[in-house]
Amino acid sequence: MLNVINTTTIHGQDRLIQAVEEQKANGRGLITVCNHTSMFDDPGVLSLLMPWHWLWSEPLTEKVRWSICAKEVCFKNELLRHFFLNGKTLPVERGKVGVYQPVVSIAAHTLAKGGWVHLFPEGRINYDGKLGPLRWGVGKLICEARQLNGGRDPALLPFYHSGMGEVLPITMDRLNVGRSVEVRVGEHIKVDDLTCNCDSPDMAVQQETWKAITARVRAALLELEAQCPTNPDQTDVAPKREPPPS
């Protein structure tokens, strides 16, 4: 879909492949984060980044990413539930308990076993094409995974993509052809100077740590955004919705 009927350029794919294989081997786990502009970002962009042989060998190697999707979108009936669970996707309930929900702990246990978890830290599609505010969940997940893994932080790798809003615009129910997509994988984000506060007995300190980690993730994504072509602005045709909770 993205390499044949559309054209895709990937910068830094080797960095992501190496990160997955290294973290699987050393048991630290890997979190990837990116912007969210289309309903086809995952599996579209994520499939592009993974070698084909990972899909065929998944039952043995378990290198394919775990993802998180809104329960009301991906798990609204039994057919979709089975489809997405088999595609290594976990349900998240938006706007109810925030970062305090079981899926964060499930993802943390996956990381502690050396798994790969992908997050859209904005928590929703941003149809203006620009990186929006991030949720604290990415910070809490890193802290919880660290606590489960003997004080070792999971690796944290950002990437940014542009053009997916043209491949699958909000106004269409099928993929466009002849469009161009660019994906740029960044450098690892270091947060060890922040995660040392993850175990603080003071909940206020913990929350400030989650926010500080999230702010660093956003800064890395903004740096990548500046290096990529501008995403299309679809706000004129996107459905109106309430601002996201913090």
C-alpha atoms as a PDB file:
ATOM      1  CA  MET A   1       0.000   0.000   0.000  1.00  0.00           C
ATOM      2  CA  LEU A   2       2.800   2.442   0.802  1.00  0.00           C
ATOM      3  CA  ASN A   3       5.697   1.072  -1.247  1.00  0.00           C
ATOM      4  CA  VAL A   4       3.876   0.127  -4.468  1.00  0.00           C
ATOM      5  CA  ILE A   5       0.766   2.235  -5.058  1.00  0.00           C
ATOM      6  CA  ASN A   6       2.398   5.063  -3.081  1.00  0.00           C
ATOM      7  CA  THR A   7       6.035   6.069  -2.550  1.00  0.00           C
ATOM      8  CA  THR A   8       7.783   6.000   0.821  1.00  0.00           C
ATOM      9  CA  THR A   9      11.189   7.277   1.927  1.00  0.00           C
ATOM     10  CA  ILE A  10      12.553   6.099   5.281  1.00  0.00           C
ATOM     11  CA  HIS A  11      15.507   7.717   7.037  1.00  0.00           C
ATOM     12  CA  GLY A  12      17.124   5.769   9.872  1.00  0.00           C
ATOM     13  CA  GLN A  13      15.272   2.464   9.534  1.00  0.00           C
ATOM     14  CA  ASP A  14      18.427   0.560  10.505  1.00  0.00           C
ATOM     15  CA  ARG A  15      18.424   2.395  13.821  1.00  0.00           C
ATOM     16  CA  LEU A  16      14.976   1.056  14.686  1.00  0.00           C
ATOM     17  CA  ILE A  17      15.755  -2.501  13.562  1.00  0.00           C
ATOM     18  CA  GLN A  18      18.923  -2.501  15.656  1.00  0.00           C
ATOM     19  CA  ALA A  19      17.030  -1.130  18.662  1.00  0.00           C
ATOM     20  CA  VAL A  20      14.389  -3.869  18.501  1.00  0.00           C
ATOM     21  CA  GLU A  21      16.960  -6.645  18.183  1.00  0.00           C
ATOM     22  CA  GLU A  22      19.218  -5.263  20.929  1.00  0.00           C
ATOM     23  CA  GLN A  23      16.456  -4.659  23.456  1.00  0.00           C
ATOM     24  CA  LYS A  24      14.959  -8.081  22.792  1.00  0.00           C
ATOM     25  CA  ALA A  25      18.350  -9.625  23.505  1.00  0.00           C
ATOM     26  CA  ASN A  26      19.192  -7.653  26.652  1.00  0.00           C
ATOM     27  CA  GLY A  27      15.687  -7.652  28.142  1.00  0.00           C
ATOM     28  CA  ARG A  28      15.354  -3.883  28.531  1.00  0.00           C
ATOM     29  CA  GLY A  29      12.440  -3.467  26.150  1.00  0.00           C
ATOM     30  CA  LEU A  30      11.800  -0.706  23.617  1.00  0.00           C
ATOM     31  CA  ILE A  31       9.233   2.088  23.428  1.00  0.00           C
ATOM     32  CA  THR A  32       8.760   3.845  20.102  1.00  0.00           C
ATOM     33  CA  VAL A  33       6.751   7.056  19.812  1.00  0.00           C
ATOM     34  CA  CYS A  34       5.509   9.024  16.812  1.00  0.00           C
ATOM     35  CA  ASN A  35       2.962  11.578  15.642  1.00  0.00           C
ATOM     36  CA  HIS A  36      -0.594  10.548  14.683  1.00  0.00           C
ATOM     37  CA  THR A  37      -2.242  11.987  11.547  1.00  0.00           C
ATOM     38  CA  SER A  38      -4.225   9.140   9.972  1.00  0.00           C
ATOM     39  CA  MET A  39      -6.254   6.034  10.789  1.00  0.00           C
ATOM     40  CA  PHE A  40      -3.675   4.089   8.747  1.00  0.00           C
ATOM     41  CA  ASP A  41      -0.562   5.197  10.687  1.00  0.00           C
ATOM     42  CA  ASP A  42      -0.621   1.791  12.345  1.00  0.00           C
ATOM     43  CA  PRO A  43      -0.395  -0.729  10.725  1.00  0.00           C
ATOM     44  CA  GLY A  44       0.771   1.312   7.706  1.00  0.00           C
ATOM     45  CA  VAL A  45       3.907   3.079   8.916  1.00  0.00           C
ATOM     46  CA  LEU A  46       4.779   0.414  11.502  1.00  0.00           C
ATOM     47  CA  SER A  47       4.654  -2.316   8.848  1.00  0.00           C
ATOM     48  CA  LEU A  48       7.032  -0.302   6.682  1.00  0.00           C
ATOM     49  CA  LEU A  49       9.596  -0.141   9.447  1.00  0.00           C
ATOM     50  CA  MET A  50       9.629  -3.893  10.147  1.00  0.00           C
ATOM     51  CA  PRO A  51      11.474  -6.417   7.947  1.00  0.00           C
ATOM     52  CA  TRP A  52       9.149  -8.951   6.319  1.00  0.00           C
ATOM     53  CA  HIS A  53      10.854 -11.885   8.002  1.00  0.00           C
ATOM     54  CA  TRP A  54       9.799 -10.571  11.409  1.00  0.00           C
ATOM     55  CA  LEU A  55       6.182 -11.217  10.431  1.00  0.00           C
ATOM     56  CA  TRP A  56       6.854 -14.788   9.316  1.00  0.00           C
ATOM     57  CA  SER A  57       8.979 -15.622  12.384  1.00  0.00           C
ATOM     58  CA  GLU A  58       6.811 -13.784  14.926  1.00  0.00           C
ATOM     59  CA  PRO A  59       5.668 -16.935  16.824  1.00  0.00           C
ATOM     60  CA  LEU A  60       9.325 -17.736  17.534  1.00  0.00           C
ATOM     61  CA  THR A  61      11.034 -14.338  17.808  1.00  0.00           C
ATOM     62  CA  GLU A  62       8.237 -12.021  19.076  1.00  0.00           C
ATOM     63  CA  LYS A  63       9.817  -8.955  17.448  1.00  0.00           C
ATOM     64  CA  VAL A  64       6.610  -7.374  16.090  1.00  0.00           C
ATOM     65  CA  ARG A  65       5.459  -4.353  18.060  1.00  0.00           C
ATOM     66  CA  TRP A  66       2.659  -4.197  20.609  1.00  0.00           C
ATOM     67  CA  SER A  67       0.354  -1.231  20.105  1.00  0.00           C
ATOM     68  CA  ILE A  68      -2.463   0.493  21.983  1.00  0.00           C
ATOM     69  CA  CYS A  69      -5.801   1.518  20.453  1.00  0.00           C
ATOM     70  CA  ALA A  70      -8.928   3.205  21.796  1.00  0.00           C
ATOM     71  CA  LYS A  71     -11.431   0.610  22.991  1.00  0.00           C
ATOM     72  CA  GLU A  72     -14.353   2.357  21.273  1.00  0.00           C
ATOM     73  CA  VAL A  73     -12.528   2.220  17.922  1.00  0.00           C
ATOM     74  CA  CYS A  74     -10.693  -1.121  17.787  1.00  0.00           C
ATOM     75  CA  PHE A  75     -12.700  -3.224  20.250  1.00  0.00           C
ATOM     76  CA  LYS A  76     -16.302  -2.216  19.611  1.00  0.00           C
ATOM     77  CA  ASN A  77     -17.396  -5.735  18.595  1.00  0.00           C
ATOM     78  CA  GLU A  78     -16.134  -9.310  18.896  1.00  0.00           C
ATOM     79  CA  LEU A  79     -14.790  -9.515  15.341  1.00  0.00           C
ATOM     80  CA  LEU A  80     -12.654  -6.405  15.771  1.00  0.00           C
ATOM     81  CA  ARG A  81     -11.573  -7.490  19.257  1.00  0.00           C
ATOM     82  CA  HIS A  82     -10.140 -10.781  17.995  1.00  0.00           C
ATOM     83  CA  PHE A  83      -8.607  -9.105  14.944  1.00  0.00           C
ATOM     84  CA  PHE A  84      -6.723  -6.464  16.925  1.00  0.00           C
ATOM     85  CA  LEU A  85      -5.683  -8.761  19.769  1.00  0.00           C
ATOM     86  CA  ASN A  86      -4.152 -11.109  17.202  1.00  0.00           C
ATOM     87  CA  GLY A  87      -2.441  -8.058  15.726  1.00  0.00           C
ATOM     88  CA  LYS A  88      -0.808  -7.381  19.138  1.00  0.00           C
ATOM     89  CA  THR A  89      -2.997  -4.396  19.998  1.00  0.00           C
ATOM     90  CA  LEU A  90      -4.252  -3.598  23.508  1.00  0.00           C
ATOM     91  CA  PRO A  91      -7.375  -1.565  24.383  1.00  0.00           C
ATOM     92  CA  VAL A  92      -7.174   1.776  26.149  1.00  0.00           C
ATOM     93  CA  GLU A  93     -10.180   3.611  27.623  1.00  0.00           C
ATOM     94  CA  ARG A  94      -9.808   7.277  26.803  1.00  0.00           C
ATOM     95  CA  GLY A  95     -11.012  10.022  29.108  1.00  0.00           C
ATOM     96  CA  LYS A  96     -11.951   7.825  32.078  1.00  0.00           C
ATOM     97  CA  VAL A  97      -9.058   6.902  34.333  1.00  0.00           C
ATOM     98  CA  GLY A  98      -6.278   8.550  32.330  1.00  0.00           C
ATOM     99  CA  VAL A  99      -2.857   7.067  33.050  1.00  0.00           C
ATOM    100  CA  TYR A 100      -4.237   4.929  35.879  1.00  0.00           C
ATOM    101  CA  GLN A 101      -5.553   2.017  33.856  1.00  0.00           C
ATOM    102  CA  PRO A 102      -4.606  -1.649  33.454  1.00  0.00           C
ATOM    103  CA  VAL A 103      -3.258  -1.320  29.906  1.00  0.00           C
ATOM    104  CA  VAL A 104      -0.311   0.747  31.184  1.00  0.00           C
ATOM    105  CA  SER A 105       0.692  -2.054  33.570  1.00  0.00           C
ATOM    106  CA  ILE A 106       0.246  -4.689  30.847  1.00  0.00           C
ATOM    107  CA  ALA A 107       2.489  -2.697  28.512  1.00  0.00           C
ATOM    108  CA  ALA A 108       5.050  -2.238  31.309  1.00  0.00           C
ATOM    109  CA  HIS A 109       5.230  -6.002  31.881  1.00  0.00           C
ATOM    110  CA  THR A 110       5.709  -6.476  28.126  1.00  0.00           C
ATOM    111  CA  LEU A 111       8.653  -4.049  28.189  1.00  0.00           C
ATOM    112  CA  ALA A 112      10.174  -5.754  31.230  1.00  0.00           C
ATOM    113  CA  LYS A 113      10.315  -8.966  29.178  1.00  0.00           C
ATOM    114  CA  GLY A 114      12.231  -7.241  26.381  1.00  0.00           C
ATOM    115  CA  GLY A 115       9.206  -6.473  24.191  1.00  0.00           C
ATOM    116  CA  TRP A 116       8.555  -3.585  21.845  1.00  0.00           C
ATOM    117  CA  VAL A 117       5.627  -1.266  22.608  1.00  0.00           C
ATOM    118  CA  HIS A 118       4.618   1.505  20.222  1.00  0.00           C
ATOM    119  CA  LEU A 119       2.727   4.583  21.458  1.00  0.00           C
ATOM    120  CA  PHE A 120       0.973   7.521  19.851  1.00  0.00           C
ATOM    121  CA  PRO A 121       1.597   9.814  22.827  1.00  0.00           C
ATOM    122  CA  GLU A 122      -0.799  12.497  21.552  1.00  0.00           C
ATOM    123  CA  GLY A 123      -3.598  10.054  22.370  1.00  0.00           C
ATOM    124  CA  ARG A 124      -5.591  10.908  19.245  1.00  0.00           C
ATOM    125  CA  ILE A 125      -5.279  11.833  15.575  1.00  0.00           C
ATOM    126  CA  ASN A 126      -4.357  15.476  15.051  1.00  0.00           C
ATOM    127  CA  TYR A 127      -5.957  16.460  11.770  1.00  0.00           C
ATOM    128  CA  ASP A 128      -4.126  19.780  11.553  1.00  0.00           C
ATOM    129  CA  GLY A 129      -1.022  17.733  10.736  1.00  0.00           C
ATOM    130  CA  LYS A 130       1.057  19.278  13.517  1.00  0.00           C
ATOM    131  CA  LEU A 131       2.323  17.597  16.660  1.00  0.00           C
ATOM    132  CA  GLY A 132      -0.162  18.236  19.463  1.00  0.00           C
ATOM    133  CA  PRO A 133       0.115  18.050  23.256  1.00  0.00           C
ATOM    134  CA  LEU A 134       1.281  14.692  24.614  1.00  0.00           C
ATOM    135  CA  ARG A 135      -0.332  12.653  27.398  1.00  0.00           C
ATOM    136  CA  TRP A 136       1.602  11.742  30.517  1.00  0.00           C
ATOM    137  CA  GLY A 137       1.076   8.036  29.875  1.00  0.00           C
ATOM    138  CA  VAL A 138       4.423   7.666  28.118  1.00  0.00           C
ATOM    139  CA  GLY A 139       6.200   8.957  31.228  1.00  0.00           C
ATOM    140  CA  LYS A 140       4.274   6.696  33.584  1.00  0.00           C
ATOM    141  CA  LEU A 141       4.883   3.689  31.343  1.00  0.00           C
ATOM    142  CA  ILE A 142       8.640   4.257  31.377  1.00  0.00           C
ATOM    143  CA  CYS A 143       8.666   4.560  35.168  1.00  0.00           C
ATOM    144  CA  GLU A 144       6.536   1.467  35.681  1.00  0.00           C
ATOM    145  CA  ALA A 145       8.640  -0.604  33.268  1.00  0.00           C
ATOM    146  CA  ARG A 146      11.789   0.558  35.074  1.00  0.00           C
ATOM    147  CA  GLN A 147      10.374  -0.558  38.422  1.00  0.00           C
ATOM    148  CA  LEU A 148       9.494  -3.989  37.032  1.00  0.00           C
ATOM    149  CA  ASN A 149      12.910  -4.435  35.424  1.00  0.00           C
ATOM    150  CA  GLY A 150      15.284  -3.856  38.308  1.00  0.00           C
ATOM    151  CA  GLY A 151      15.788  -0.148  37.745  1.00  0.00           C
ATOM    152  CA  ARG A 152      16.668  -0.462  34.040  1.00  0.00           C
ATOM    153  CA  ASP A 153      15.002   2.035  31.722  1.00  0.00           C
ATOM    154  CA  PRO A 154      13.456   0.757  28.488  1.00  0.00           C
ATOM    155  CA  ALA A 155      15.028   2.177  25.348  1.00  0.00           C
ATOM    156  CA  LEU A 156      13.073   5.122  23.939  1.00  0.00           C
ATOM    157  CA  LEU A 157      13.136   5.852  20.205  1.00  0.00           C
ATOM    158  CA  PRO A 158      11.141   8.544  18.349  1.00  0.00           C
ATOM    159  CA  PHE A 159      10.177   8.735  14.700  1.00  0.00           C
ATOM    160  CA  TYR A 160       8.071  11.181  12.710  1.00  0.00           C
ATOM    161  CA  HIS A 161       6.119  10.653   9.507  1.00  0.00           C
ATOM    162  CA  SER A 162       4.534  12.982   6.972  1.00  0.00           C
ATOM    163  CA  GLY A 163       2.101  12.374   4.128  1.00  0.00           C
ATOM    164  CA  MET A 164      -0.162   9.783   5.777  1.00  0.00           C
ATOM    165  CA  GLY A 165      -3.001  12.304   5.860  1.00  0.00           C
ATOM    166  CA  GLU A 166      -2.870  12.317   2.062  1.00  0.00           C
ATOM    167  CA  VAL A 167      -2.722   8.522   1.768  1.00  0.00           C
ATOM    168  CA  LEU A 168      -5.875   8.173   3.895  1.00  0.00           C
ATOM    169  CA  PRO A 169      -7.624  11.538   4.382  1.00  0.00           C
ATOM    170  CA  ILE A 170     -10.453  11.873   6.880  1.00  0.00           C
ATOM    171  CA  THR A 171     -12.880  12.335   3.966  1.00  0.00           C
ATOM    172  CA  MET A 172     -12.084   8.958   2.346  1.00  0.00           C
ATOM    173  CA  ASP A 173     -12.791   5.325   3.246  1.00  0.00           C
ATOM    174  CA  ARG A 174     -10.111   3.934   0.912  1.00  0.00           C
ATOM    175  CA  LEU A 175      -6.409   4.587   0.347  1.00  0.00           C
ATOM    176  CA  ASN A 176      -5.209   7.131  -2.181  1.00  0.00           C
ATOM    177  CA  VAL A 177      -2.571   6.279  -4.791  1.00  0.00           C
ATOM    178  CA  GLY A 178       0.437   8.187  -6.061  1.00  0.00           C
ATOM    179  CA  ARG A 179       1.152   9.991  -2.787  1.00  0.00           C
ATOM    180  CA  SER A 180       4.519  10.403  -1.051  1.00  0.00           C
ATOM    181  CA  VAL A 181       5.257   9.466   2.558  1.00  0.00           C
ATOM    182  CA  GLU A 182       8.404  10.260   4.518  1.00  0.00           C
ATOM    183  CA  VAL A 183       9.451   8.599   7.783  1.00  0.00           C
ATOM    184  CA  ARG A 184      12.390   9.845   9.834  1.00  0.00           C
ATOM    185  CA  VAL A 185      13.717   7.820  12.788  1.00  0.00           C
ATOM    186  CA  GLY A 186      15.483   9.904  15.410  1.00  0.00           C
ATOM    187  CA  GLU A 187      18.145   9.237  18.001  1.00  0.00           C
ATOM    188  CA  HIS A 188      17.491   7.450  21.275  1.00  0.00           C
ATOM    189  CA  ILE A 189      16.013   9.719  23.946  1.00  0.00           C
ATOM    190  CA  LYS A 190      17.958   9.631  27.210  1.00  0.00           C
ATOM    191  CA  VAL A 191      15.826  10.013  30.340  1.00  0.00           C
ATOM    192  CA  ASP A 192      17.967   8.389  33.046  1.00  0.00           C
ATOM    193  CA  ASP A 193      18.496  11.777  34.710  1.00  0.00           C
ATOM    194  CA  LEU A 194      14.706  11.913  35.187  1.00  0.00           C
ATOM    195  CA  THR A 195      13.787   8.290  35.887  1.00  0.00           C
ATOM    196  CA  CYS A 196      15.880   8.312  39.059  1.00  0.00           C
ATOM    197  CA  ASN A 197      12.822  10.023  40.595  1.00  0.00           C
ATOM    198  CA  CYS A 198      10.365   7.342  39.461  1.00  0.00           C
ATOM    199  CA  ASP A 199      10.584   5.547  42.819  1.00  0.00           C
ATOM    200  CA  SER A 200       9.938   8.625  44.949  1.00  0.00           C
ATOM    201  CA  PRO A 201       7.423   7.980  47.750  1.00  0.00           C
ATOM    202  CA  ASP A 202       5.959  11.406  47.008  1.00  0.00           C
ATOM    203  CA  MET A 203       3.224  11.048  44.362  1.00  0.00           C
ATOM    204  CA  ALA A 204       3.625  14.696  43.371  1.00  0.00           C
ATOM    205  CA  VAL A 205       7.295  14.045  42.546  1.00  0.00           C
ATOM    206  CA  GLN A 206       6.324  10.983  40.524  1.00  0.00           C
ATOM    207  CA  GLN A 207       3.795  12.960  38.502  1.00  0.00           C
ATOM    208  CA  GLU A 208       6.301  15.732  37.852  1.00  0.00           C
ATOM    209  CA  THR A 209       8.706  13.051  36.630  1.00  0.00           C
ATOM    210  CA  TRP A 210       6.085  11.671  34.211  1.00  0.00           C
ATOM    211  CA  LYS A 211       5.511  15.186  32.896  1.00  0.00           C
ATOM    212  CA  ALA A 212       9.234  15.876  32.519  1.00  0.00           C
ATOM    213  CA  ILE A 213       9.768  12.648  30.566  1.00  0.00           C
ATOM    214  CA  THR A 214       6.787  13.480  28.352  1.00  0.00           C
ATOM    215  CA  ALA A 215       8.149  16.980  27.704  1.00  0.00           C
ATOM    216  CA  ARG A 216      11.474  15.513  26.592  1.00  0.00           C
ATOM    217  CA  VAL A 217       9.679  13.124  24.236  1.00  0.00           C
ATOM    218  CA  ARG A 218       7.748  16.016  22.733  1.00  0.00           C
ATOM    219  CA  ALA A 219      10.933  18.026  22.223  1.00  0.00           C
ATOM    220  CA  ALA A 220      12.487  15.110  20.310  1.00  0.00           C
ATOM    221  CA  LEU A 221       9.401  14.726  18.113  1.00  0.00           C
ATOM    222  CA  LEU A 222       9.298  18.471  17.404  1.00  0.00           C
ATOM    223  CA  GLU A 223      12.931  18.312  16.303  1.00  0.00           C
ATOM    224  CA  LEU A 224      12.038  15.538  13.832  1.00  0.00           C
ATOM    225  CA  GLU A 225       8.923  17.415  12.685  1.00  0.00           C
ATOM    226  CA  ALA A 226      11.134  20.332  11.646  1.00  0.00           C
ATOM    227  CA  GLN A 227      13.107  17.996   9.355  1.00  0.00           C
ATOM    228  CA  CYS A 228      10.069  16.499   7.575  1.00  0.00           C
ATOM    229  CA  PRO A 229       7.665  17.852   4.927  1.00  0.00           C
ATOM    230  CA  THR A 230       4.555  19.534   6.329  1.00  0.00           C
ATOM    231  CA  ASN A 231       1.527  17.315   6.892  1.00  0.00           C
ATOM    232  CA  PRO A 232      -1.783  18.361   5.294  1.00  0.00           C
ATOM    233  CA  ASP A 233      -4.235  20.354   7.410  1.00  0.00           C
ATOM    234  CA  GLN A 234      -7.619  18.577   7.492  1.00  0.00           C
ATOM    235  CA  THR A 235      -9.247  20.551  10.287  1.00  0.00           C
ATOM    236  CA  ASP A 236     -11.875  22.060   7.971  1.00  0.00           C
ATOM    237  CA  VAL A 237     -13.380  18.612   7.305  1.00  0.00           C
ATOM    238  CA  ALA A 238     -12.461  16.769  10.530  1.00  0.00           C
ATOM    239  CA  PRO A 239     -15.224  16.087  13.086  1.00  0.00           C
ATOM    240  CA  LYS A 240     -15.437  18.600  15.918  1.00  0.00           C
ATOM    241  CA  ARG A 241     -14.389  17.286  19.317  1.00  0.00           C
ATOM    242  CA  GLU A 242     -13.637  18.393  22.838  1.00  0.00           C
ATOM    243  CA  PRO A 243     -10.054  19.322  23.815  1.00  0.00           C
ATOM    244  CA  PRO A 244      -8.114  16.327  25.212  1.00  0.00           C
ATOM    245  CA  PRO A 245      -7.839  15.986  28.996  1.00  0.00           C
ATOM    246  CA  SER A 246      -4.370  16.562  30.449  1.00  0.00           C
END
